[in-house]
Amino acid sequence: MFNGGKAFKHLEKMAVEIGSRDSGSAEEREAAEYIASVFRGLGLKTSFQEFDVETGRILKQGLEVLEPYMEEVECMALPLAGGTGPEGVEGELLYLESVVEEYITPEIDGKILLTQGFYRAGLELFTKYRPLGVVSIGRRPNSPLGHGWGTAKLRDKYGPMPVVNVKFEDGLKLLESGAKRVRLTADIEAGKAKSQNVIGELEGSEKPEEVVLVGGHYDTVPGIPGASDNAAGTAVAMELARVFSEKGTKRTLRFVAWGCEESGCLGSRHDASRLKKEDDELKKGDEDAKSELDGIRLVVNADVQGGKIGRNTVASLGPVELKSAVKLMAKEVGVVFSMGGSGGGISGGVYSSDGTSYSAVGVPSLNFIRGGAPYIHSMEDSIRWLSPDALQIHGEFMERFLTRYVAEAVAFPFERTIPDDDRKAIERFYKGRMSKPPGRE
């Protein structure tokens, strides 16, 4: 029943008509209202789950070479990293191979650093010797200019650090040309806003207390269409909501469009933390009491979807049977999940998206990704590269999986557990992001 064409219309509405859906923005709210209207039209019990977010708007940005030649370099500021004010900061440009302890010497103090891929660890290391700002080089040649947020919690903890992204080629030119002195401008208007998760619930006919979450995030990094990442994943979830509203289900399916994934999985983190807090409070008085969290058996997340050319991936956190079920169904229906590249194939391990927020509080998760696209987090993330047929691949597979194991199964087939190896991987993930897992704030 899944129809890639119908899903594609939802995708067009969000990525083309609404456009960039920055965290906490009016456009993010417009997309939320649209998703809610679709859920209501399907007869789902629809609600918003609001939460506070830190947000930022770029007023002015720039990178100018001042010595030994004059040139402007295309760049993109990170609005949650920190600002310079409208005048910018001026200083000597210093190249660092990477931001590791061995390279953090008094020489970096008061300089503007040219480096690659430093952000989180660098902020902690910069507490002793403080650069004026950072020019972050793109990871690959021939790739579009990257957009991003930065992290408000790290900014507040370690102090503001103005950061601009540049393309790989421009970073290489700065290095090869001997650019000595630059002016970096990141004039940012930071503030607080409201974001929201959109929930459409289809109550189960026989076992409504057993709940499976199905969703995707609908926000974007600043200023981009966010077609593949992740209007497409949200569109897949919306079309699955239509399918099961017509087919019915023995268990409750809770369709969720998460807000603010791009600024730290804040929407799913908010919900997971709420569930864990309520669970802890309830069990203080009665260890055997059943909480809302206990009833959530699985999370199925669609993130980065629809690429005409792509690589199918599923990242699983949970019992081995969960991953095995996906593998067996893939063989049965003839969908290839490639093992090439990082996170390729059907694998255990953490994927940096909303499913992991729930696995951190004990709920198994499946994250469906059609990855391999070089345009993610850039202005190139448009519908040009996507198609209804490509949405059909994962949408149809997810429908089959949910039908067999959730909507029609006599007994839920997967144990609600996170194995030790997965727990350790989750701990490492949050440690690497310099944050605590949901529920431990």
Protein backbone atom coordinates (compact mmCIF):
# COMPACT_ATOMS: atom_id res chain seq x y z
CA MET A 1 0.00 0.00 0.00
CA PHE A 2 2.91 2.39 0.53
CA ASN A 3 2.90 4.93 -2.29
CA GLY A 4 6.15 6.75 -3.00
CA GLY A 5 4.31 9.33 -5.09
CA LYS A 6 2.09 10.34 -2.17
CA ALA A 7 5.12 10.55 0.11
CA PHE A 8 6.89 12.70 -2.47
CA LYS A 9 4.07 15.27 -2.34
CA HIS A 10 4.66 15.68 1.40
CA LEU A 11 8.37 16.04 0.67
CA GLU A 12 7.72 18.77 -1.90
CA LYS A 13 5.49 20.66 0.51
CA MET A 14 8.20 20.79 3.16
CA ALA A 15 11.38 21.15 1.10
CA VAL A 16 10.10 23.35 -1.75
CA GLU A 17 7.05 25.30 -0.59
CA ILE A 18 8.11 25.81 3.05
CA GLY A 19 11.87 25.51 2.54
CA SER A 20 14.47 25.76 5.28
CA ARG A 21 13.05 24.64 8.62
CA ASP A 22 15.63 25.93 11.09
CA SER A 23 15.15 24.88 14.71
CA GLY A 24 12.66 27.12 16.47
CA SER A 25 11.80 29.09 13.32
CA ALA A 26 8.42 30.10 11.94
CA GLU A 27 9.07 27.76 9.01
CA GLU A 28 9.68 24.82 11.33
CA ARG A 29 6.36 25.61 13.00
CA GLU A 30 4.64 25.87 9.59
CA ALA A 31 5.93 22.41 8.71
CA ALA A 32 4.72 21.10 12.08
CA GLU A 33 1.24 22.49 11.43
CA TYR A 34 1.19 20.84 8.01
CA ILE A 35 2.23 17.45 9.43
CA ALA A 36 -0.41 17.76 12.15
CA SER A 37 -3.09 18.56 9.58
CA VAL A 38 -2.20 15.38 7.68
CA PHE A 39 -2.34 13.29 10.87
CA ARG A 40 -5.72 14.77 11.80
CA GLY A 41 -7.02 14.09 8.32
CA LEU A 42 -6.13 10.42 8.82
CA GLY A 43 -8.11 10.31 12.04
CA LEU A 44 -5.06 10.00 14.29
CA LYS A 45 -5.03 11.38 17.83
CA THR A 46 -2.82 14.39 17.12
CA SER A 47 -0.85 16.57 19.52
CA PHE A 48 2.18 18.82 19.82
CA GLN A 49 4.93 18.29 22.35
CA GLU A 50 6.64 21.65 22.88
CA PHE A 51 10.11 22.28 24.30
CA ASP A 52 12.54 25.17 24.64
CA VAL A 53 15.50 25.51 22.29
CA GLU A 54 18.49 27.76 21.84
CA THR A 55 18.56 29.20 18.37
CA GLY A 56 20.48 31.76 16.38
CA ARG A 57 20.30 33.84 13.25
CA ILE A 58 23.23 34.95 11.12
CA LEU A 59 23.17 38.71 10.60
CA LYS A 60 26.52 38.99 8.84
CA GLN A 61 29.27 36.54 7.98
CA GLY A 62 32.51 36.71 6.09
CA LEU A 63 36.13 35.67 5.74
CA GLU A 64 38.60 38.11 4.19
CA VAL A 65 42.27 37.56 3.49
CA LEU A 66 44.13 40.76 4.42
CA GLU A 67 47.79 39.74 3.98
CA PRO A 68 49.74 39.08 1.82
CA TYR A 69 46.88 39.62 -0.64
CA MET A 70 43.24 40.76 -0.47
CA GLU A 71 40.43 38.30 -1.18
CA GLU A 72 37.02 37.33 0.12
CA VAL A 73 36.39 33.63 0.76
CA GLU A 74 32.94 32.06 0.70
CA CYS A 75 32.01 30.81 4.17
CA MET A 76 29.13 29.81 6.43
CA ALA A 77 29.02 30.69 10.14
CA LEU A 78 27.75 28.35 12.85
CA PRO A 79 25.08 30.39 14.67
CA LEU A 80 25.26 28.49 17.98
CA ALA A 81 29.06 28.45 18.21
CA GLY A 82 29.59 32.10 19.08
CA GLY A 83 29.73 35.52 17.46
CA THR A 84 32.22 38.26 16.69
CA GLY A 85 29.88 41.22 16.44
CA PRO A 86 29.45 43.14 13.17
CA GLU A 87 33.11 44.26 12.98
CA GLY A 88 34.51 40.73 13.11
CA VAL A 89 37.89 39.70 14.52
CA GLU A 90 41.24 40.18 12.80
CA GLY A 91 44.34 38.08 13.37
CA GLU A 92 47.10 35.84 12.10
CA LEU A 93 45.94 32.66 10.36
CA LEU A 94 47.53 29.50 11.78
CA TYR A 95 47.10 26.05 10.23
CA LEU A 96 46.69 23.07 12.57
CA GLU A 97 46.85 19.54 11.17
CA SER A 98 44.18 18.58 13.69
CA VAL A 99 42.91 19.79 17.04
CA VAL A 100 44.52 17.36 19.48
CA GLU A 101 46.35 17.90 22.73
CA GLU A 102 49.80 17.72 21.13
CA TYR A 103 49.07 20.74 18.93
CA ILE A 104 47.44 22.92 21.58
CA THR A 105 50.40 25.12 22.48
CA PRO A 106 50.79 28.80 23.41
CA GLU A 107 51.25 29.48 19.69
CA ILE A 108 47.48 29.21 19.04
CA ASP A 109 46.59 31.91 21.58
CA GLY A 110 45.05 34.93 19.88
CA LYS A 111 45.27 33.39 16.38
CA ILE A 112 42.57 32.43 13.89
CA LEU A 113 42.93 28.71 13.27
CA LEU A 114 42.61 26.95 9.94
CA THR A 115 41.83 23.28 10.55
CA GLN A 116 39.44 20.45 9.79
CA GLY A 117 36.70 18.74 11.78
CA PHE A 118 37.56 19.97 15.25
CA TYR A 119 34.37 21.26 16.80
CA ARG A 120 33.47 19.48 20.03
CA ALA A 121 36.85 18.31 21.33
CA GLY A 122 38.45 21.57 20.29
CA LEU A 123 36.30 23.66 22.58
CA GLU A 124 37.47 21.81 25.67
CA LEU A 125 41.10 22.02 24.58
CA PHE A 126 40.80 25.76 23.90
CA THR A 127 40.14 26.59 27.55
CA LYS A 128 43.89 27.00 28.22
CA TYR A 129 45.01 28.77 25.05
CA ARG A 130 42.29 30.72 23.32
CA PRO A 131 42.15 31.37 19.57
CA LEU A 132 40.11 34.28 18.20
CA GLY A 133 38.11 32.02 15.91
CA VAL A 134 38.23 28.96 13.68
CA VAL A 135 38.03 28.42 9.92
CA SER A 136 36.79 24.83 9.51
CA ILE A 137 37.72 23.13 6.23
CA GLY A 138 35.24 20.84 4.48
CA ARG A 139 36.09 17.15 4.60
CA ARG A 140 36.06 16.32 0.88
CA PRO A 141 37.01 18.00 -2.40
CA ASN A 142 34.25 18.84 -4.88
CA SER A 143 31.61 19.07 -2.16
CA PRO A 144 29.26 22.01 -1.50
CA LEU A 145 29.75 24.41 1.37
CA GLY A 146 28.58 22.86 4.63
CA HIS A 147 25.93 24.42 6.87
CA GLY A 148 25.64 23.69 10.58
CA TRP A 149 24.52 24.91 13.98
CA GLY A 150 27.28 24.50 16.53
CA THR A 151 26.15 23.64 20.07
CA ALA A 152 24.68 26.08 22.59
CA LYS A 153 25.52 23.91 25.62
CA LEU A 154 29.19 23.74 24.65
CA ARG A 155 29.23 27.46 23.87
CA ASP A 156 27.84 28.20 27.31
CA LYS A 157 30.20 25.77 29.03
CA TYR A 158 33.48 26.68 27.30
CA GLY A 159 32.71 30.16 26.02
CA PRO A 160 31.83 31.41 22.54
CA MET A 161 34.14 30.42 19.70
CA PRO A 162 33.32 32.00 16.32
CA VAL A 163 33.46 29.36 13.60
CA VAL A 164 32.98 29.54 9.83
CA ASN A 165 32.95 26.62 7.42
CA VAL A 166 34.76 26.83 4.06
CA LYS A 167 34.95 24.41 1.16
CA PHE A 168 37.86 21.97 1.01
CA GLU A 169 39.28 23.73 -2.05
CA ASP A 170 39.16 27.14 -0.37
CA GLY A 171 40.85 25.78 2.72
CA LEU A 172 43.57 24.29 0.57
CA LYS A 173 44.04 27.60 -1.25
CA LEU A 174 44.38 29.47 2.04
CA LEU A 175 47.12 27.05 3.04
CA GLU A 176 48.97 26.92 -0.28
CA SER A 177 48.81 30.66 -0.94
CA GLY A 178 50.37 31.53 2.38
CA ALA A 179 47.40 33.56 3.65
CA LYS A 180 48.85 35.21 6.72
CA ARG A 181 46.26 37.58 8.17
CA VAL A 182 42.46 37.36 7.92
CA ARG A 183 39.29 38.92 9.22
CA LEU A 184 36.56 36.52 10.36
CA THR A 185 33.02 37.82 10.84
CA ALA A 186 30.18 35.92 12.47
CA ASP A 187 27.61 38.42 13.66
CA ILE A 188 24.98 36.29 15.36
CA GLU A 189 21.63 37.07 16.95
CA ALA A 190 21.24 34.31 19.53
CA GLY A 191 18.10 33.66 21.52
CA LYS A 192 15.54 31.18 22.77
CA ALA A 193 12.53 29.79 20.97
CA LYS A 194 9.95 27.02 21.08
CA SER A 195 10.11 23.92 18.97
CA GLN A 196 7.81 20.92 18.89
CA ASN A 197 7.42 17.26 18.15
CA VAL A 198 4.28 16.39 16.20
CA ILE A 199 2.53 13.20 17.30
CA GLY A 200 -0.17 11.25 15.54
CA GLU A 201 -1.27 8.14 17.40
CA LEU A 202 -3.13 5.15 15.97
CA GLU A 203 -4.41 3.05 18.86
CA GLY A 204 -3.98 -0.69 18.62
CA SER A 205 -7.11 -2.82 18.36
CA GLU A 206 -5.92 -5.68 20.59
CA LYS A 207 -2.79 -4.63 22.50
CA PRO A 208 -2.90 -0.84 22.72
CA GLU A 209 -0.51 -0.83 25.69
CA GLU A 210 2.29 -2.06 23.40
CA VAL A 211 3.56 0.97 21.49
CA VAL A 212 5.93 1.36 18.56
CA LEU A 213 7.21 4.79 17.52
CA VAL A 214 7.62 5.48 13.78
CA GLY A 215 9.04 8.78 12.63
CA GLY A 216 11.64 11.12 11.25
CA HIS A 217 12.87 14.63 11.98
CA TYR A 218 11.49 17.51 9.94
CA ASP A 219 13.90 20.34 10.83
CA THR A 220 17.03 21.38 8.91
CA VAL A 221 20.42 22.89 9.54
CA PRO A 222 20.27 26.67 8.91
CA GLY A 223 19.29 27.97 5.52
CA ILE A 224 18.92 24.84 3.40
CA PRO A 225 15.97 22.99 1.78
CA GLY A 226 16.70 19.78 3.71
CA ALA A 227 14.97 17.57 1.15
CA SER A 228 16.75 14.28 1.76
CA ASP A 229 17.72 15.23 5.32
CA ASN A 230 15.04 14.98 6.36
CA ALA A 231 11.80 16.09 4.75
CA ALA A 232 12.02 12.77 2.93
CA GLY A 233 12.22 10.66 6.09
CA THR A 234 9.30 12.57 7.61
CA ALA A 235 7.34 12.08 4.39
CA VAL A 236 7.95 8.33 4.59
CA ALA A 237 6.59 8.29 8.14
CA MET A 238 3.55 10.35 7.08
CA GLU A 239 2.76 7.95 4.26
CA LEU A 240 3.14 4.99 6.64
CA ALA A 241 0.61 6.72 8.89
CA ARG A 242 -1.84 6.73 5.96
CA VAL A 243 -1.16 3.07 5.21
CA PHE A 244 -1.78 1.83 8.75
CA SER A 245 -4.74 4.13 9.36
CA GLU A 246 -6.36 2.15 6.54
CA LYS A 247 -4.95 -1.31 7.36
CA GLY A 248 -5.30 -1.11 11.13
CA THR A 249 -2.92 -2.52 13.73
CA LYS A 250 -3.11 -4.77 16.80
CA ARG A 251 -0.56 -2.57 18.61
CA THR A 252 -0.44 1.19 18.98
CA LEU A 253 1.58 2.98 16.32
CA ARG A 254 2.74 6.43 17.43
CA PHE A 255 3.87 8.44 14.40
CA VAL A 256 6.26 11.21 15.39
CA ALA A 257 7.86 14.09 13.49
CA TRP A 258 10.73 15.18 15.71
CA GLY A 259 11.90 18.78 15.88
CA CYS A 260 15.45 20.05 16.32
CA GLU A 261 17.34 16.88 15.39
CA GLU A 262 20.01 18.92 13.64
CA SER A 263 20.86 20.90 16.77
CA GLY A 264 21.42 17.84 18.95
CA CYS A 265 18.40 15.49 18.57
CA LEU A 266 16.60 17.85 20.93
CA GLY A 267 13.06 16.74 20.12
CA SER A 268 13.65 13.04 20.67
CA ARG A 269 15.94 13.83 23.61
CA HIS A 270 13.16 15.87 25.23
CA ASP A 271 10.66 13.03 24.85
CA ALA A 272 13.10 10.30 25.98
CA SER A 273 14.12 12.34 29.03
CA ARG A 274 10.45 12.93 29.89
CA LEU A 275 9.71 9.22 29.65
CA LYS A 276 12.71 8.28 31.80
CA LYS A 277 11.94 10.87 34.46
CA GLU A 278 8.32 9.72 34.72
CA ASP A 279 9.48 6.11 34.84
CA ASP A 280 11.94 6.84 37.65
CA GLU A 281 9.35 8.75 39.69
CA LEU A 282 6.72 6.05 39.30
CA LYS A 283 9.08 3.25 40.35
CA LYS A 284 10.30 5.04 43.45
CA GLY A 285 7.08 3.94 45.10
CA ASP A 286 6.58 0.66 43.27
CA GLU A 287 9.35 -1.14 41.37
CA ASP A 288 6.80 -3.30 39.56
CA ALA A 289 4.69 -0.39 38.32
CA LYS A 290 4.33 -0.09 34.56
CA SER A 291 5.19 3.28 33.05
CA GLU A 292 4.62 4.75 29.61
CA LEU A 293 8.27 4.03 28.86
CA ASP A 294 7.78 0.33 29.66
CA GLY A 295 5.07 0.15 27.01
CA ILE A 296 7.27 1.48 24.19
CA ARG A 297 8.71 -1.62 22.54
CA LEU A 298 10.54 -0.27 19.50
CA VAL A 299 11.46 2.92 17.63
CA VAL A 300 11.65 2.93 13.82
CA ASN A 301 13.34 6.08 12.50
CA ALA A 302 13.72 7.21 8.88
CA ASP A 303 16.58 9.68 8.43
CA VAL A 304 18.03 10.68 5.04
CA GLN A 305 15.79 9.16 2.40
CA GLY A 306 14.83 9.31 -1.26
CA GLY A 307 18.13 9.51 -3.11
CA LYS A 308 17.92 8.25 -6.69
CA ILE A 309 21.51 7.11 -6.20
CA GLY A 310 22.25 5.94 -2.68
CA ARG A 311 23.16 3.16 -0.31
CA ASN A 312 20.61 1.36 1.85
CA THR A 313 21.54 1.09 5.50
CA VAL A 314 19.83 0.02 8.73
CA ALA A 315 21.47 0.71 12.09
CA SER A 316 20.10 -1.45 14.89
CA LEU A 317 20.34 -1.01 18.65
CA GLY A 318 18.70 -3.85 20.50
CA PRO A 319 18.52 -7.65 20.64
CA VAL A 320 20.28 -9.67 17.96
CA GLU A 321 16.89 -10.98 16.77
CA LEU A 322 15.94 -7.46 15.68
CA LYS A 323 18.86 -7.16 13.30
CA SER A 324 18.35 -10.75 12.12
CA ALA A 325 14.70 -10.08 11.29
CA VAL A 326 15.71 -7.16 9.07
CA LYS A 327 18.37 -9.28 7.37
CA LEU A 328 15.96 -12.12 6.68
CA MET A 329 13.25 -9.82 5.34
CA ALA A 330 15.78 -8.07 3.10
CA LYS A 331 16.66 -11.45 1.54
CA GLU A 332 13.00 -12.38 1.27
CA VAL A 333 11.90 -9.24 -0.59
CA GLY A 334 15.14 -8.55 -2.47
CA VAL A 335 16.31 -5.25 -0.99
CA VAL A 336 20.08 -4.94 -0.87
CA PHE A 337 21.64 -3.31 2.16
CA SER A 338 25.21 -2.55 1.13
CA MET A 339 28.05 -3.06 3.59
CA GLY A 340 30.20 -0.40 1.92
CA GLY A 341 31.24 2.71 3.82
CA SER A 342 30.69 3.89 7.36
CA GLY A 343 27.58 2.39 8.89
CA GLY A 344 26.74 0.50 5.68
CA GLY A 345 24.54 -2.57 5.57
CA ILE A 346 22.49 -3.96 8.45
CA SER A 347 24.57 -3.37 11.52
CA GLY A 348 24.56 -2.84 15.21
CA GLY A 349 25.92 0.43 16.39
CA VAL A 350 24.97 3.99 17.06
CA TYR A 351 23.58 6.24 14.36
CA SER A 352 23.50 9.93 15.17
CA SER A 353 19.76 10.47 14.98
CA ASP A 354 16.54 10.27 16.95
CA GLY A 355 16.37 6.52 17.44
CA THR A 356 19.47 6.63 19.63
CA SER A 357 17.78 9.00 22.11
CA TYR A 358 15.27 6.27 22.96
CA SER A 359 17.81 3.45 22.98
CA ALA A 360 19.71 5.47 25.60
CA VAL A 361 16.69 4.97 27.91
CA GLY A 362 16.25 1.28 27.07
CA VAL A 363 14.12 1.09 23.92
CA PRO A 364 15.45 -0.87 20.90
CA SER A 365 15.65 1.13 17.69
CA LEU A 366 16.00 0.73 13.94
CA ASN A 367 17.33 3.66 11.93
CA PHE A 368 16.70 3.43 8.17
CA ILE A 369 19.10 5.51 6.07
CA ARG A 370 19.55 5.85 2.33
CA GLY A 371 22.95 7.47 2.57
CA GLY A 372 26.00 8.18 0.46
CA ALA A 373 24.89 11.62 -0.71
CA PRO A 374 27.58 14.35 -0.71
CA TYR A 375 24.99 17.15 -0.62
CA ILE A 376 23.73 16.62 2.95
CA HIS A 377 23.85 19.80 5.10
CA SER A 378 24.24 22.06 2.08
CA MET A 379 22.14 24.12 -0.32
CA GLU A 380 22.37 21.17 -2.71
CA ASP A 381 20.07 19.06 -0.52
CA SER A 382 17.13 19.63 -2.84
CA ILE A 383 14.54 17.42 -4.53
CA ARG A 384 16.70 17.39 -7.67
CA TRP A 385 18.43 14.23 -6.45
CA LEU A 386 15.32 12.45 -5.11
CA SER A 387 12.45 10.47 -6.56
CA PRO A 388 9.21 8.73 -5.56
CA ASP A 389 10.69 5.38 -6.63
CA ALA A 390 13.60 5.82 -4.23
CA LEU A 391 11.21 6.69 -1.38
CA GLN A 392 9.34 3.51 -2.22
CA ILE A 393 12.36 1.31 -1.41
CA HIS A 394 12.51 1.97 2.31
CA GLY A 395 8.85 2.91 2.70
CA GLU A 396 7.62 -0.40 1.34
CA PHE A 397 10.21 -2.33 3.34
CA MET A 398 9.23 -0.55 6.56
CA GLU A 399 5.55 -1.24 5.85
CA ARG A 400 6.25 -4.97 5.44
CA PHE A 401 8.34 -5.05 8.61
CA LEU A 402 5.78 -3.18 10.71
CA THR A 403 2.92 -5.25 9.33
CA ARG A 404 4.55 -8.57 10.16
CA TYR A 405 6.13 -7.81 13.51
CA VAL A 406 3.92 -5.07 14.95
CA ALA A 407 0.50 -4.76 13.32
CA GLU A 408 -0.23 -8.48 12.89
CA ALA A 409 2.08 -10.46 15.20
CA VAL A 410 0.31 -12.57 17.84
CA ALA A 411 3.09 -11.80 20.34
CA PHE A 412 5.70 -9.06 20.05
CA PRO A 413 8.77 -10.91 18.73
CA PHE A 414 11.63 -8.75 20.06
CA GLU A 415 12.82 -8.56 23.63
CA ARG A 416 12.83 -5.03 25.00
CA THR A 417 16.51 -4.87 25.86
CA ILE A 418 19.71 -3.08 24.95
CA PRO A 419 22.69 -5.49 25.01
CA ASP A 420 25.87 -4.53 26.85
CA ASP A 421 27.84 -3.87 23.65
CA ASP A 422 25.16 -1.47 22.45
CA ARG A 423 25.01 0.23 25.86
CA LYS A 424 28.75 0.81 25.77
CA ALA A 425 28.52 2.16 22.22
CA ILE A 426 25.79 4.58 23.31
CA GLU A 427 27.92 5.75 26.25
CA ARG A 428 30.87 6.37 23.92
CA PHE A 429 28.63 8.24 21.51
CA TYR A 430 27.43 10.73 24.12
CA LYS A 431 30.88 11.05 25.63
CA GLY A 432 32.22 11.92 22.17
CA ARG A 433 29.52 14.56 21.85
CA MET A 434 30.51 15.88 25.28
CA SER A 435 27.00 15.46 26.64
CA LYS A 436 25.06 13.18 28.96
CA PRO A 437 22.57 10.63 27.63
CA PRO A 438 18.86 11.51 27.85
CA GLY A 439 17.45 11.07 31.33
CA ARG A 440 20.75 11.82 33.05
CA GLU A 441 20.82 15.58 32.72
